[in-house]
Amino acid sequence: MKVLLALLALLATIAQAHAEQVVRVYGWKDYLAPDVLRDFQQQTGITVDYQTYTSTDELRQALSDGSHYDLVMPSHFMLEQLIEEQRLTPLDTGQLTHYAELDPWLLTILAGLPQANRYAVPYLWGSTGLVIAPDLAQASYGAPPPNSWKLMFEAAETERLSTCGVAMLDASDETSSVLLNYRGRRLSRITNRQLIKQLDGLKAVTPFIRTMNNWDFVDDLINGKLCLAMAWSGHAVRAMQDNPKLVYRIPEEGAAIFIDTLAIPSDAANPQLAYRLLDFLIDPPIALRNALNSRFYAPLPNETPAMQSFAKAHPAQVLTTDQRRRSYLLESVPTSQRKILDEAWQDLKRNRY
């Protein structure tokens, strides 16, 4: 009898442990569609605890303070530092049945970054450009505004639009890279002194910036409180869907492409559960559902029938050939410059007040 009771207790414990399987995810806001999470749980019995962030600094902090997430979504320009700091674990792509269905172009780009393909797979990606409300902007500017970053980075130009509202992303990597590209420089080849000088030069602009955040500005665009905003493409599409008067532009000087990836932290408590969710998320039908939900670009080859149908139905979520030609991969900040960039960026934000 005692043996039977012990066996029943053991079985109950195992059943309870199985029922309480949870994979903890830390990712960008709205990057996982709620119905996708429900489908995953129904198919696997695994619950997804999905916590979100709106800036790369939040993810860096979580990975450094021992938060123990099982799956995270670092942007490509974060990978080199995270790998150097041993924050991520190498991936066994043999456990990913849908790995071969990812876009070879994205995999090739990641292959150009030190060890990136060993530690991460592409998930959603996008571009960093300008959203403009043409009528509002023209009335404030006094003429049709040019398709140029000078509207954001030249004080005299930004001031002309300040009465109708200008927004800048609170994103040091993206803003610095785009700014330096506009100035004919490269983030990866600039000295600490030059980097500080370039960001210091933006202090003439920030007094004319109405908002500086990564999420709330979308509602301001929709409600006509802004006429120009630096934006990630997915947020631009979200705003345009609710305000058809808005237009997303890749400026003539070019725009930065970013790739948000899926990776397993080195201190993950449940890496095998993370593999199961990761493989589920890169399954093409699921990837398209998350792309549609987030409004960003899917990690799938353009040539596939599914992607061609998606592009036809959602043209704003696919870069044209000309837009790709005028875009470049957002550069990584050397680890040695991270502190310099962070301090210069905080100093720039303080200058607004």
Protein backbone atom coordinates (compact mmCIF):
# COMPACT_ATOMS: atom_id res chain seq x y z
CA MET A 1 0.00 0.00 0.00
CA LYS A 2 2.80 2.40 0.92
CA VAL A 3 4.54 1.61 -2.36
CA LEU A 4 1.34 2.33 -4.28
CA LEU A 5 0.81 5.63 -2.48
CA ALA A 6 4.40 6.64 -3.13
CA LEU A 7 4.03 5.78 -6.81
CA LEU A 8 0.81 7.76 -7.06
CA ALA A 9 2.46 10.74 -5.36
CA LEU A 10 5.39 10.55 -7.78
CA LEU A 11 3.08 10.40 -10.78
CA ALA A 12 1.11 13.35 -9.46
CA THR A 13 4.31 15.33 -9.03
CA ILE A 14 5.43 14.55 -12.57
CA ALA A 15 2.01 15.43 -13.97
CA GLN A 16 1.99 18.72 -12.05
CA ALA A 17 5.49 19.59 -13.28
CA HIS A 18 4.44 18.86 -16.85
CA ALA A 19 1.27 20.91 -16.49
CA GLU A 20 3.25 23.85 -15.16
CA GLN A 21 5.84 23.98 -17.94
CA VAL A 22 6.54 27.66 -18.57
CA VAL A 23 8.92 29.29 -21.05
CA ARG A 24 9.87 32.84 -20.09
CA VAL A 25 10.28 35.24 -23.01
CA TYR A 26 11.59 38.80 -22.99
CA GLY A 27 10.90 40.52 -26.29
CA TRP A 28 9.85 43.65 -28.09
CA LYS A 29 6.34 44.89 -27.42
CA ASP A 30 3.71 43.34 -29.75
CA TYR A 31 6.26 40.99 -31.37
CA LEU A 32 4.23 37.87 -30.48
CA ALA A 33 0.60 37.74 -31.56
CA PRO A 34 -1.72 36.65 -28.70
CA ASP A 35 -3.41 34.03 -30.89
CA VAL A 36 0.00 32.59 -31.79
CA LEU A 37 0.82 32.18 -28.12
CA ARG A 38 -2.52 30.48 -27.52
CA ASP A 39 -1.91 28.08 -30.41
CA PHE A 40 1.54 27.21 -29.09
CA GLN A 41 0.18 26.46 -25.64
CA GLN A 42 -2.67 24.34 -27.03
CA GLN A 43 -0.30 22.32 -29.21
CA THR A 44 2.44 21.81 -26.64
CA GLY A 45 0.93 22.36 -23.18
CA ILE A 46 3.71 24.91 -22.56
CA THR A 47 2.72 28.31 -21.17
CA VAL A 48 4.51 31.39 -22.50
CA ASP A 49 5.30 34.11 -19.95
CA TYR A 50 5.85 36.99 -22.37
CA GLN A 51 7.40 40.11 -20.85
CA THR A 52 8.10 43.09 -23.11
CA TYR A 53 10.49 46.01 -23.49
CA THR A 54 10.62 49.05 -25.78
CA SER A 55 14.36 49.79 -25.83
CA THR A 56 17.56 47.79 -26.22
CA ASP A 57 18.81 49.22 -22.91
CA GLU A 58 16.04 47.36 -21.09
CA LEU A 59 17.14 44.06 -22.64
CA ARG A 60 20.80 44.69 -21.82
CA GLN A 61 19.84 45.37 -18.21
CA ALA A 62 17.71 42.23 -17.96
CA LEU A 63 20.51 40.03 -19.31
CA SER A 64 23.05 41.52 -16.92
CA ASP A 65 20.97 41.36 -13.73
CA GLY A 66 20.24 37.62 -13.82
CA SER A 67 16.57 37.73 -14.83
CA HIS A 68 16.82 34.18 -16.25
CA TYR A 69 14.69 34.42 -19.39
CA ASP A 70 14.54 31.39 -21.68
CA LEU A 71 14.22 33.25 -24.99
CA VAL A 72 15.08 36.84 -25.90
CA MET A 73 14.97 39.04 -29.01
CA PRO A 74 18.25 40.98 -29.32
CA SER A 75 18.69 43.28 -32.30
CA HIS A 76 21.56 42.28 -34.57
CA PHE A 77 23.75 45.18 -33.47
CA MET A 78 23.63 43.90 -29.89
CA LEU A 79 24.89 40.41 -30.68
CA GLU A 80 28.63 41.02 -30.77
CA GLN A 81 28.67 42.51 -27.26
CA LEU A 82 26.28 39.92 -25.82
CA ILE A 83 28.36 37.09 -27.27
CA GLU A 84 31.59 38.60 -25.94
CA GLU A 85 30.00 38.87 -22.49
CA GLN A 86 28.80 35.24 -22.75
CA ARG A 87 25.18 36.30 -22.25
CA LEU A 88 23.92 33.92 -24.96
CA THR A 89 24.30 30.19 -25.54
CA PRO A 90 25.31 28.66 -28.92
CA LEU A 91 22.32 27.29 -30.83
CA ASP A 92 21.97 23.74 -32.08
CA THR A 93 20.17 24.49 -35.35
CA GLY A 94 19.68 20.76 -35.81
CA GLN A 95 16.86 21.09 -33.29
CA LEU A 96 15.14 23.69 -35.52
CA THR A 97 13.12 21.90 -38.19
CA HIS A 98 12.21 25.20 -39.93
CA TYR A 99 15.71 26.70 -39.98
CA ALA A 100 16.16 25.92 -43.69
CA GLU A 101 13.06 27.97 -44.51
CA LEU A 102 14.55 31.24 -43.25
CA ASP A 103 15.58 33.91 -45.75
CA PRO A 104 19.15 33.11 -46.96
CA TRP A 105 19.73 36.85 -47.44
CA LEU A 106 19.14 37.51 -43.74
CA LEU A 107 21.29 34.55 -42.74
CA THR A 108 24.08 35.86 -44.97
CA ILE A 109 23.87 39.27 -43.34
CA LEU A 110 24.10 37.74 -39.87
CA ALA A 111 27.02 35.62 -41.07
CA GLY A 112 28.91 38.88 -41.61
CA LEU A 113 28.75 39.59 -37.88
CA PRO A 114 31.21 37.75 -35.58
CA GLN A 115 29.64 34.39 -34.62
CA ALA A 116 26.10 35.79 -34.93
CA ASN A 117 24.68 32.77 -36.75
CA ARG A 118 25.99 30.49 -33.97
CA TYR A 119 23.94 32.30 -31.35
CA ALA A 120 20.83 33.72 -33.01
CA VAL A 121 18.34 33.28 -35.85
CA PRO A 122 16.56 36.12 -37.66
CA TYR A 123 13.04 36.79 -36.49
CA LEU A 124 11.41 40.09 -37.52
CA TRP A 125 13.28 42.89 -39.27
CA GLY A 126 12.66 46.38 -40.52
CA SER A 127 14.00 49.77 -41.49
CA THR A 128 14.37 53.10 -39.73
CA GLY A 129 12.94 55.97 -41.75
CA LEU A 130 10.64 58.98 -41.54
CA VAL A 131 6.86 59.13 -41.14
CA ILE A 132 5.39 62.35 -42.43
CA ALA A 133 1.94 63.92 -42.50
CA PRO A 134 2.37 65.78 -45.83
CA ASP A 135 -0.41 68.37 -45.43
CA LEU A 136 0.50 69.31 -41.86
CA ALA A 137 4.22 69.33 -42.64
CA GLN A 138 3.86 71.48 -45.75
CA ALA A 139 1.75 74.04 -43.91
CA SER A 140 4.38 74.34 -41.18
CA TYR A 141 7.44 74.07 -43.43
CA GLY A 142 6.12 76.57 -45.97
CA ALA A 143 6.80 74.22 -48.90
CA PRO A 144 6.80 70.48 -49.65
CA PRO A 145 9.43 69.11 -47.22
CA PRO A 146 12.34 67.28 -48.88
CA ASN A 147 12.77 63.53 -48.43
CA SER A 148 15.88 64.01 -46.33
CA TRP A 149 17.24 63.36 -42.86
CA LYS A 150 18.05 67.05 -42.64
CA LEU A 151 14.48 67.54 -41.42
CA MET A 152 15.51 65.63 -38.30
CA PHE A 153 19.19 66.56 -37.97
CA GLU A 154 19.50 70.21 -39.03
CA ALA A 155 18.15 72.65 -36.45
CA ALA A 156 16.96 75.23 -38.98
CA GLU A 157 14.95 72.55 -40.80
CA THR A 158 13.54 70.94 -37.66
CA GLU A 159 12.48 74.32 -36.31
CA ARG A 160 10.36 74.91 -39.42
CA LEU A 161 8.36 71.79 -38.52
CA SER A 162 8.31 72.27 -34.75
CA THR A 163 4.90 73.97 -34.72
CA CYS A 164 3.21 70.83 -36.08
CA GLY A 165 5.29 68.42 -33.97
CA VAL A 166 8.47 66.40 -34.51
CA ALA A 167 9.38 63.13 -32.75
CA MET A 168 12.72 61.34 -32.44
CA LEU A 169 13.28 57.75 -31.34
CA ASP A 170 14.85 57.20 -27.94
CA ALA A 171 17.28 54.79 -29.57
CA SER A 172 20.94 55.68 -29.30
CA ASP A 173 22.27 53.04 -31.71
CA GLU A 174 19.79 53.71 -34.50
CA THR A 175 19.87 57.49 -34.21
CA SER A 176 23.66 57.66 -34.03
CA SER A 177 24.11 55.35 -37.00
CA VAL A 178 21.61 57.23 -39.17
CA LEU A 179 23.04 60.59 -38.11
CA LEU A 180 26.60 59.57 -38.93
CA ASN A 181 25.55 58.04 -42.24
CA TYR A 182 23.84 61.35 -43.08
CA ARG A 183 27.09 63.14 -42.21
CA GLY A 184 29.09 60.78 -44.44
CA ARG A 185 30.66 58.89 -41.54
CA ARG A 186 30.44 55.36 -40.14
CA LEU A 187 29.63 54.48 -36.56
CA SER A 188 32.06 51.57 -36.55
CA ARG A 189 34.97 53.77 -37.60
CA ILE A 190 34.50 56.84 -35.45
CA THR A 191 36.60 57.83 -32.45
CA ASN A 192 35.11 58.46 -29.03
CA ARG A 193 35.77 62.18 -29.36
CA GLN A 194 34.12 62.35 -32.78
CA LEU A 195 31.10 60.39 -31.56
CA ILE A 196 30.61 62.76 -28.63
CA LYS A 197 31.02 65.74 -30.97
CA GLN A 198 28.43 64.44 -33.43
CA LEU A 199 25.81 63.80 -30.75
CA ASP A 200 26.65 67.10 -29.08
CA GLY A 201 25.81 68.73 -32.39
CA LEU A 202 22.24 67.45 -32.06
CA LYS A 203 21.73 69.65 -29.00
CA ALA A 204 20.75 72.42 -31.38
CA VAL A 205 17.93 70.17 -32.64
CA THR A 206 16.47 68.63 -29.49
CA PRO A 207 14.72 71.80 -28.26
CA PHE A 208 12.49 71.48 -31.33
CA ILE A 209 11.69 67.80 -30.68
CA ARG A 210 8.24 67.45 -29.11
CA THR A 211 8.52 63.80 -28.06
CA MET A 212 11.40 61.39 -27.72
CA ASN A 213 10.16 57.85 -27.10
CA ASN A 214 9.71 54.50 -28.84
CA TRP A 215 5.98 53.86 -28.55
CA ASP A 216 3.67 56.72 -27.53
CA PHE A 217 4.60 58.77 -30.60
CA VAL A 218 2.60 56.31 -32.74
CA ASP A 219 -0.67 57.49 -31.18
CA ASP A 220 0.46 61.10 -31.57
CA LEU A 221 0.96 60.51 -35.30
CA ILE A 222 -2.45 58.88 -35.59
CA ASN A 223 -4.14 61.74 -33.75
CA GLY A 224 -2.45 64.48 -35.78
CA LYS A 225 -0.27 65.74 -32.93
CA LEU A 226 2.90 65.17 -34.98
CA CYS A 227 3.74 65.91 -38.59
CA LEU A 228 7.16 64.20 -38.68
CA ALA A 229 8.66 61.29 -36.78
CA MET A 230 11.72 59.14 -36.98
CA ALA A 231 10.24 55.65 -36.81
CA TRP A 232 10.80 51.95 -37.18
CA SER A 233 8.92 50.64 -40.20
CA GLY A 234 6.50 48.47 -38.23
CA HIS A 235 5.41 51.38 -36.07
CA ALA A 236 5.06 53.49 -39.20
CA VAL A 237 2.73 50.92 -40.76
CA ARG A 238 0.72 50.76 -37.53
CA ALA A 239 0.24 54.54 -37.62
CA MET A 240 -0.63 54.60 -41.33
CA GLN A 241 -3.30 51.96 -40.89
CA ASP A 242 -5.16 54.27 -38.50
CA ASN A 243 -4.28 57.50 -40.29
CA PRO A 244 -4.15 57.03 -44.10
CA LYS A 245 -2.81 60.58 -44.55
CA LEU A 246 0.56 59.48 -43.18
CA VAL A 247 3.43 58.38 -45.47
CA TYR A 248 6.53 56.34 -44.63
CA ARG A 249 9.71 57.39 -46.43
CA ILE A 250 13.19 56.01 -46.86
CA PRO A 251 15.19 59.30 -47.11
CA GLU A 252 17.42 59.92 -50.10
CA GLU A 253 20.54 59.65 -47.92
CA GLY A 254 19.54 56.13 -46.91
CA ALA A 255 17.99 54.36 -43.95
CA ALA A 256 19.19 51.73 -41.53
CA ILE A 257 17.98 48.13 -41.70
CA PHE A 258 17.84 46.19 -38.44
CA ILE A 259 17.30 42.49 -37.77
CA ASP A 260 15.71 41.43 -34.50
CA THR A 261 16.71 37.89 -33.65
CA LEU A 262 15.75 35.01 -31.40
CA ALA A 263 18.40 33.79 -28.95
CA ILE A 264 18.65 31.69 -25.80
CA PRO A 265 20.38 33.33 -22.82
CA SER A 266 23.26 31.43 -21.24
CA ASP A 267 21.41 31.37 -17.91
CA ALA A 268 18.10 30.13 -19.36
CA ALA A 269 16.32 27.80 -16.93
CA ASN A 270 14.44 25.93 -19.67
CA PRO A 271 16.50 25.92 -22.89
CA GLN A 272 14.66 22.92 -24.35
CA LEU A 273 11.34 24.71 -23.99
CA ALA A 274 12.97 27.71 -25.65
CA TYR A 275 14.00 25.56 -28.63
CA ARG A 276 10.42 24.37 -29.05
CA LEU A 277 9.05 27.93 -29.04
CA LEU A 278 11.85 29.21 -31.27
CA ASP A 279 11.17 26.55 -33.90
CA PHE A 280 7.44 27.25 -33.69
CA LEU A 281 8.01 30.98 -34.29
CA ILE A 282 10.11 30.51 -37.45
CA ASP A 283 7.57 28.13 -39.01
CA PRO A 284 6.59 30.21 -42.12
CA PRO A 285 2.82 30.42 -41.45
CA ILE A 286 3.51 31.47 -37.85
CA ALA A 287 6.22 33.92 -38.92
CA LEU A 288 3.76 35.59 -41.30
CA ARG A 289 1.13 35.85 -38.57
CA ASN A 290 3.60 37.56 -36.26
CA ALA A 291 4.76 39.85 -39.06
CA LEU A 292 1.15 40.84 -39.72
CA ASN A 293 0.55 41.44 -36.01
CA SER A 294 3.73 43.49 -35.50
CA ARG A 295 3.70 45.19 -38.95
CA PHE A 296 7.42 44.41 -39.39
CA TYR A 297 9.05 42.35 -42.15
CA ALA A 298 8.93 38.55 -42.08
CA PRO A 299 12.20 36.48 -42.05
CA LEU A 300 11.23 34.54 -45.18
CA PRO A 301 12.50 34.56 -48.79
CA ASN A 302 10.61 36.98 -51.05
CA GLU A 303 10.46 34.32 -53.78
CA THR A 304 8.20 31.92 -51.91
CA PRO A 305 4.51 31.88 -52.90
CA ALA A 306 3.47 32.66 -49.34
CA MET A 307 5.67 35.76 -49.20
CA GLN A 308 4.55 36.94 -52.64
CA SER A 309 0.92 36.71 -51.54
CA PHE A 310 1.78 38.50 -48.31
CA ALA A 311 3.59 41.29 -50.20
CA LYS A 312 0.63 41.78 -52.51
CA ALA A 313 -1.77 42.10 -49.58
CA HIS A 314 0.59 44.16 -47.37
CA PRO A 315 2.95 46.14 -49.65
CA ALA A 316 4.06 48.49 -46.86
CA GLN A 317 5.65 45.51 -45.08
CA VAL A 318 8.04 44.74 -47.93
CA LEU A 319 10.93 46.96 -49.03
CA THR A 320 10.97 47.82 -52.73
CA THR A 321 14.12 47.28 -54.77
CA ASP A 322 14.82 51.03 -54.73
CA GLN A 323 14.28 51.24 -50.97
CA ARG A 324 16.68 48.33 -50.39
CA ARG A 325 19.24 50.07 -52.59
CA ARG A 326 19.08 53.14 -50.35
CA SER A 327 19.29 51.16 -47.12
CA TYR A 328 22.21 49.75 -45.17
CA LEU A 329 22.65 47.41 -42.23
CA LEU A 330 22.65 49.26 -38.94
CA GLU A 331 26.19 49.14 -37.59
CA SER A 332 27.20 47.71 -34.26
CA VAL A 333 28.76 49.94 -31.64
CA PRO A 334 32.17 48.61 -30.57
CA THR A 335 32.04 47.32 -27.01
CA SER A 336 34.68 49.86 -26.03
CA GLN A 337 32.37 52.70 -27.09
CA ARG A 338 29.16 51.50 -25.47
CA LYS A 339 29.61 53.52 -22.28
CA ILE A 340 30.65 56.60 -24.27
CA LEU A 341 27.55 56.36 -26.46
CA ASP A 342 25.21 55.77 -23.53
CA GLU A 343 26.55 58.76 -21.60
CA ALA A 344 26.45 61.04 -24.65
CA TRP A 345 22.88 59.94 -25.39
CA GLN A 346 21.67 60.62 -21.86
CA ASP A 347 23.33 64.03 -22.00
CA LEU A 348 21.52 64.73 -25.28
CA LYS A 349 18.15 63.82 -23.78
CA ARG A 350 18.73 66.04 -20.77
CA ASN A 351 19.34 68.94 -23.14
CA ARG A 352 15.68 68.93 -24.19
CA TYR A 353 14.55 70.33 -20.86
